[in-house]
């Protein structure tokens, strides 16, 4: 593999970094970076001891986990990925299996239409067309031409995947590649409602999903959310996809 870069981002996660950093080192990349989101523990020192370059995204403050603000931290790491052909982003709580990145890049080199790929996280549900944010390998040429940086929105991590799909590119999740997380993901149901609004999900379909996830509270949250659609082309593609799903269900 040539010009394959990678970075891990985290905040006050020194104990988990002791395991996450070595798992990325085993991927035999060309460049390693740790992006610190304002830690007050020994996270930066530990990353330096493992030979990682370090970027301090901010000095202190409350955790941005689960909010659009985290995209600002991740974007600082992505900017340092310039010059790579592929780059991988992982979290401070993620353990990658051996040859993880090599396997995904081999798949992407065999099919140039694949622009994002990941494995699955043990114990979490998955969709083979929706690569995880953690452990996601990016085709750099696609990223810099069409995405450049994450949007400041609730769907900042998943939006590039939908954008690529709407353009006819492929995004894949490989179930046989199993990552392990050192803590359970904390995705809030209300965030999912906001995400549907920003993505431009067809309203009837969005209300149905909001009700299934959170009952009447989900419907109220959706109707009260006034966040704008972030990309009209993606929104139009998503609405057509939702309508086709509704029609398939209707025919049953």
Protein backbone atom coordinates (compact mmCIF):
# COMPACT_ATOMS: atom_id res chain seq x y z
CA UNK A 1 0.00 0.00 0.00
CA UNK A 2 1.33 3.42 -0.93
CA UNK A 3 0.33 6.74 0.63
CA UNK A 4 -2.19 5.35 3.08
CA UNK A 5 -2.72 7.64 6.05
CA UNK A 6 -4.82 7.28 9.16
CA UNK A 7 -5.87 9.10 12.29
CA UNK A 8 -7.66 8.51 15.56
CA UNK A 9 -9.56 11.22 17.37
CA UNK A 10 -10.60 11.28 21.01
CA UNK A 11 -11.01 13.14 24.28
CA UNK A 12 -9.98 11.99 27.76
CA UNK A 13 -9.70 8.40 26.62
CA UNK A 14 -6.18 7.51 27.76
CA UNK A 15 -7.04 4.01 28.94
CA UNK A 16 -8.72 3.04 25.65
CA UNK A 17 -5.98 4.63 23.56
CA UNK A 18 -3.54 2.11 25.02
CA UNK A 19 -5.40 -0.48 22.92
CA UNK A 20 -6.76 1.56 19.99
CA UNK A 21 -3.45 3.11 18.94
CA UNK A 22 -1.58 -0.23 18.58
CA UNK A 23 -4.46 -1.67 16.52
CA UNK A 24 -4.04 1.16 14.00
CA UNK A 25 -0.25 0.81 14.03
CA UNK A 26 -0.65 -2.84 13.00
CA UNK A 27 -2.28 -1.69 9.74
CA UNK A 28 1.17 -0.68 8.40
CA UNK A 29 0.18 2.77 7.19
CA UNK A 30 2.44 5.52 5.89
CA UNK A 31 1.37 8.18 8.36
CA UNK A 32 -0.28 8.16 11.80
CA UNK A 33 -2.02 11.04 13.54
CA UNK A 34 -3.91 11.54 16.78
CA UNK A 35 -6.40 14.43 16.92
CA UNK A 36 -7.13 15.48 20.48
CA UNK A 37 -10.47 17.09 21.27
CA UNK A 38 -9.43 18.89 24.44
CA UNK A 39 -8.22 16.17 26.79
CA UNK A 40 -7.15 16.87 30.36
CA UNK A 41 -5.72 13.38 30.93
CA UNK A 42 -2.61 11.72 29.45
CA UNK A 43 -4.13 11.07 25.99
CA UNK A 44 -1.66 13.30 24.11
CA UNK A 45 1.36 11.90 25.94
CA UNK A 46 0.26 8.34 25.20
CA UNK A 47 -0.24 9.08 21.51
CA UNK A 48 3.22 10.63 21.29
CA UNK A 49 4.75 7.64 23.04
CA UNK A 50 3.28 5.40 20.34
CA UNK A 51 4.88 7.60 17.66
CA UNK A 52 1.76 9.41 16.46
CA UNK A 53 1.85 13.01 15.34
CA UNK A 54 -0.60 15.07 17.41
CA UNK A 55 -3.01 17.86 16.57
CA UNK A 56 -4.85 19.66 19.37
CA UNK A 57 -8.25 20.52 17.90
CA UNK A 58 -9.13 22.60 20.96
CA UNK A 59 -7.77 23.15 24.44
CA UNK A 60 -10.70 22.18 26.67
CA UNK A 61 -14.48 22.27 27.00
CA UNK A 62 -17.42 19.92 27.16
CA UNK A 63 -17.56 16.77 25.06
CA UNK A 64 -18.83 17.24 21.51
CA UNK A 65 -19.63 13.53 21.12
CA UNK A 66 -23.03 13.07 19.45
CA UNK A 67 -23.24 16.67 18.21
CA UNK A 68 -22.49 18.44 14.91
CA UNK A 69 -19.55 20.18 16.62
CA UNK A 70 -17.53 16.97 16.51
CA UNK A 71 -17.27 17.43 12.74
CA UNK A 72 -14.96 20.40 13.39
CA UNK A 73 -12.51 18.17 15.23
CA UNK A 74 -12.60 15.45 12.59
CA UNK A 75 -12.12 17.98 9.79
CA UNK A 76 -8.83 19.08 11.34
CA UNK A 77 -7.61 15.52 11.10
CA UNK A 78 -8.84 15.11 7.54
CA UNK A 79 -6.95 18.21 6.44
CA UNK A 80 -3.74 16.44 7.47
CA UNK A 81 -4.63 13.52 5.17
CA UNK A 82 -3.72 15.49 2.03
CA UNK A 83 -1.15 13.63 -0.05
CA UNK A 84 -2.66 10.20 0.59
CA UNK A 85 -4.35 7.91 -1.89
CA UNK A 86 -6.51 6.39 0.84
CA UNK A 87 -7.06 7.37 4.45
CA UNK A 88 -8.79 5.73 7.39
CA UNK A 89 -10.49 7.40 10.34
CA UNK A 90 -10.92 5.56 13.61
CA UNK A 91 -12.00 6.33 17.15
CA UNK A 92 -10.18 6.13 20.44
CA UNK A 93 -12.38 3.20 21.47
CA UNK A 94 -12.09 1.10 18.29
CA UNK A 95 -9.94 -2.02 17.87
CA UNK A 96 -9.25 -2.95 14.25
CA UNK A 97 -8.44 -6.54 13.25
CA UNK A 98 -5.17 -7.33 11.52
CA UNK A 99 -4.96 -6.50 7.79
CA UNK A 100 -8.22 -4.55 8.13
CA UNK A 101 -7.14 -1.55 6.04
CA UNK A 102 -5.19 -3.68 3.57
CA UNK A 103 -8.25 -5.85 2.90
CA UNK A 104 -10.53 -2.87 2.32
CA UNK A 105 -8.08 -1.09 0.04
CA UNK A 106 -7.62 -4.24 -2.02
CA UNK A 107 -11.40 -4.32 -2.47
CA UNK A 108 -11.46 -0.65 -3.46
CA UNK A 109 -8.59 -1.06 -5.91
CA UNK A 110 -10.45 -3.91 -7.59
CA UNK A 111 -13.54 -1.72 -7.99
CA UNK A 112 -12.75 1.99 -8.58
CA UNK A 113 -16.43 2.86 -8.04
CA UNK A 114 -16.09 2.08 -4.32
CA UNK A 115 -15.20 5.32 -2.52
CA UNK A 116 -15.96 4.43 1.13
CA UNK A 117 -15.62 1.08 2.88
CA UNK A 118 -15.58 -0.31 6.39
CA UNK A 119 -16.06 -3.44 8.41
CA UNK A 120 -18.79 -4.02 10.97
CA UNK A 121 -18.70 -3.37 14.71
CA UNK A 122 -19.35 -6.44 16.82
CA UNK A 123 -22.74 -6.31 18.52
CA UNK A 124 -24.12 -3.51 16.31
CA UNK A 125 -26.63 -3.74 13.48
CA UNK A 126 -25.34 -2.97 10.00
CA UNK A 127 -26.26 -2.38 6.37
CA UNK A 128 -23.83 -3.64 3.73
CA UNK A 129 -24.29 -0.40 1.78
CA UNK A 130 -23.65 1.93 4.75
CA UNK A 131 -20.05 1.79 6.00
CA UNK A 132 -19.51 2.73 9.62
CA UNK A 133 -17.94 6.05 10.50
CA UNK A 134 -15.38 4.39 12.74
CA UNK A 135 -12.87 2.43 10.69
CA UNK A 136 -14.07 3.94 7.42
CA UNK A 137 -11.52 3.92 4.59
CA UNK A 138 -11.83 6.88 2.21
CA UNK A 139 -10.73 7.12 -1.41
CA UNK A 140 -8.86 10.42 -1.22
CA UNK A 141 -9.40 11.44 -4.86
CA UNK A 142 -13.17 11.27 -4.40
CA UNK A 143 -13.06 13.04 -1.06
CA UNK A 144 -11.12 16.08 -2.24
CA UNK A 145 -13.10 16.43 -5.46
CA UNK A 146 -16.62 16.09 -4.12
CA UNK A 147 -16.65 16.42 -0.31
CA UNK A 148 -13.55 18.31 0.92
CA UNK A 149 -14.77 18.50 4.53
CA UNK A 150 -17.61 17.30 6.71
CA UNK A 151 -20.70 19.49 6.83
CA UNK A 152 -21.68 21.10 10.13
CA UNK A 153 -24.90 19.15 10.68
CA UNK A 154 -26.41 16.19 12.54
CA UNK A 155 -25.62 13.82 9.67
CA UNK A 156 -22.04 14.99 9.19
CA UNK A 157 -20.65 11.45 9.39
CA UNK A 158 -23.17 9.71 7.12
CA UNK A 159 -23.78 12.50 4.59
CA UNK A 160 -20.70 11.71 2.42
CA UNK A 161 -22.00 8.15 2.03
CA UNK A 162 -25.40 9.33 0.80
CA UNK A 163 -23.74 11.91 -1.43
CA UNK A 164 -21.59 9.24 -3.07
CA UNK A 165 -24.54 6.90 -3.56
CA UNK A 166 -26.61 9.67 -5.13
CA UNK A 167 -23.78 10.21 -7.66
CA UNK A 168 -23.65 6.55 -8.64
CA UNK A 169 -20.59 5.60 -6.60
CA UNK A 170 -20.50 2.58 -4.30
CA UNK A 171 -20.11 2.45 -0.54
CA UNK A 172 -19.70 -0.89 1.20
CA UNK A 173 -19.57 -2.56 4.59
CA UNK A 174 -17.79 -5.91 4.78
CA UNK A 175 -19.39 -8.06 7.54
CA UNK A 176 -16.44 -10.46 7.68
CA UNK A 177 -14.20 -7.63 8.94
CA UNK A 178 -15.19 -7.22 12.57
CA UNK A 179 -14.10 -4.24 14.61
CA UNK A 180 -14.46 -4.23 18.37
CA UNK A 181 -15.54 -1.22 20.41
CA UNK A 182 -14.40 -0.65 23.97
CA UNK A 183 -17.62 1.18 24.84
CA UNK A 184 -21.19 1.06 23.62
CA UNK A 185 -22.22 3.60 20.98
CA UNK A 186 -24.46 6.34 22.35
CA UNK A 187 -26.61 7.48 19.41
CA UNK A 188 -29.67 9.39 20.53
CA UNK A 189 -32.99 8.68 18.81
CA UNK A 190 -33.75 12.39 18.60
CA UNK A 191 -30.53 12.87 16.60
CA UNK A 192 -31.90 10.38 14.06
CA UNK A 193 -35.04 12.51 13.67
CA UNK A 194 -32.94 15.63 13.07
CA UNK A 195 -30.82 13.68 10.58
CA UNK A 196 -33.87 12.66 8.53
CA UNK A 197 -34.93 16.30 8.32
CA UNK A 198 -31.51 17.46 7.11
CA UNK A 199 -31.14 14.59 4.65
CA UNK A 200 -34.52 15.39 3.08
CA UNK A 201 -36.24 12.07 3.75
CA UNK A 202 -39.73 11.93 2.16
CA UNK A 203 -42.03 13.31 4.94
CA UNK A 204 -44.48 10.40 5.08
CA UNK A 205 -41.64 7.91 5.26
CA UNK A 206 -39.82 10.07 7.86
CA UNK A 207 -42.91 10.27 10.08
CA UNK A 208 -43.33 6.51 9.88
CA UNK A 209 -39.73 5.93 10.92
CA UNK A 210 -39.91 8.57 13.66
CA UNK A 211 -42.99 6.85 15.11
CA UNK A 212 -41.36 3.41 14.97
CA UNK A 213 -38.26 4.71 16.77
CA UNK A 214 -39.79 6.96 19.42
CA UNK A 215 -43.59 6.82 19.19
CA UNK A 216 -45.47 10.12 19.41
CA UNK A 217 -42.37 11.86 20.81
CA UNK A 218 -40.58 11.03 17.57
CA UNK A 219 -43.36 12.55 15.47
CA UNK A 220 -43.42 15.71 17.60
CA UNK A 221 -39.63 16.04 17.36
CA UNK A 222 -39.75 15.69 13.58
CA UNK A 223 -42.55 18.23 13.13
CA UNK A 224 -40.86 20.72 15.46
CA UNK A 225 -37.45 20.40 13.77
CA UNK A 226 -36.85 23.24 11.33
CA UNK A 227 -33.32 22.32 10.27
CA UNK A 228 -32.87 22.96 6.53
CA UNK A 229 -32.02 20.30 3.96
CA UNK A 230 -28.25 20.44 3.44
CA UNK A 231 -28.05 19.26 -0.19
CA UNK A 232 -30.99 19.49 -2.61
CA UNK A 233 -29.61 16.93 -5.07
CA UNK A 234 -29.12 14.35 -2.34
CA UNK A 235 -32.54 15.20 -0.90
CA UNK A 236 -34.24 14.61 -4.27
CA UNK A 237 -32.43 11.29 -4.66
CA UNK A 238 -33.39 10.27 -1.13
CA UNK A 239 -37.07 11.17 -1.65
CA UNK A 240 -37.26 9.04 -4.79
CA UNK A 241 -35.65 6.16 -2.94
CA UNK A 242 -38.16 6.51 -0.09
CA UNK A 243 -41.12 6.61 -2.50
CA UNK A 244 -39.92 3.41 -4.18
CA UNK A 245 -39.76 1.74 -0.76
CA UNK A 246 -43.28 2.87 0.07
CA UNK A 247 -44.58 1.54 -3.26
CA UNK A 248 -42.88 -1.83 -2.68
CA UNK A 249 -44.50 -2.07 0.75
CA UNK A 250 -47.87 -1.08 -0.71
CA UNK A 251 -47.70 -3.82 -3.34
CA UNK A 252 -47.16 -6.43 -0.63
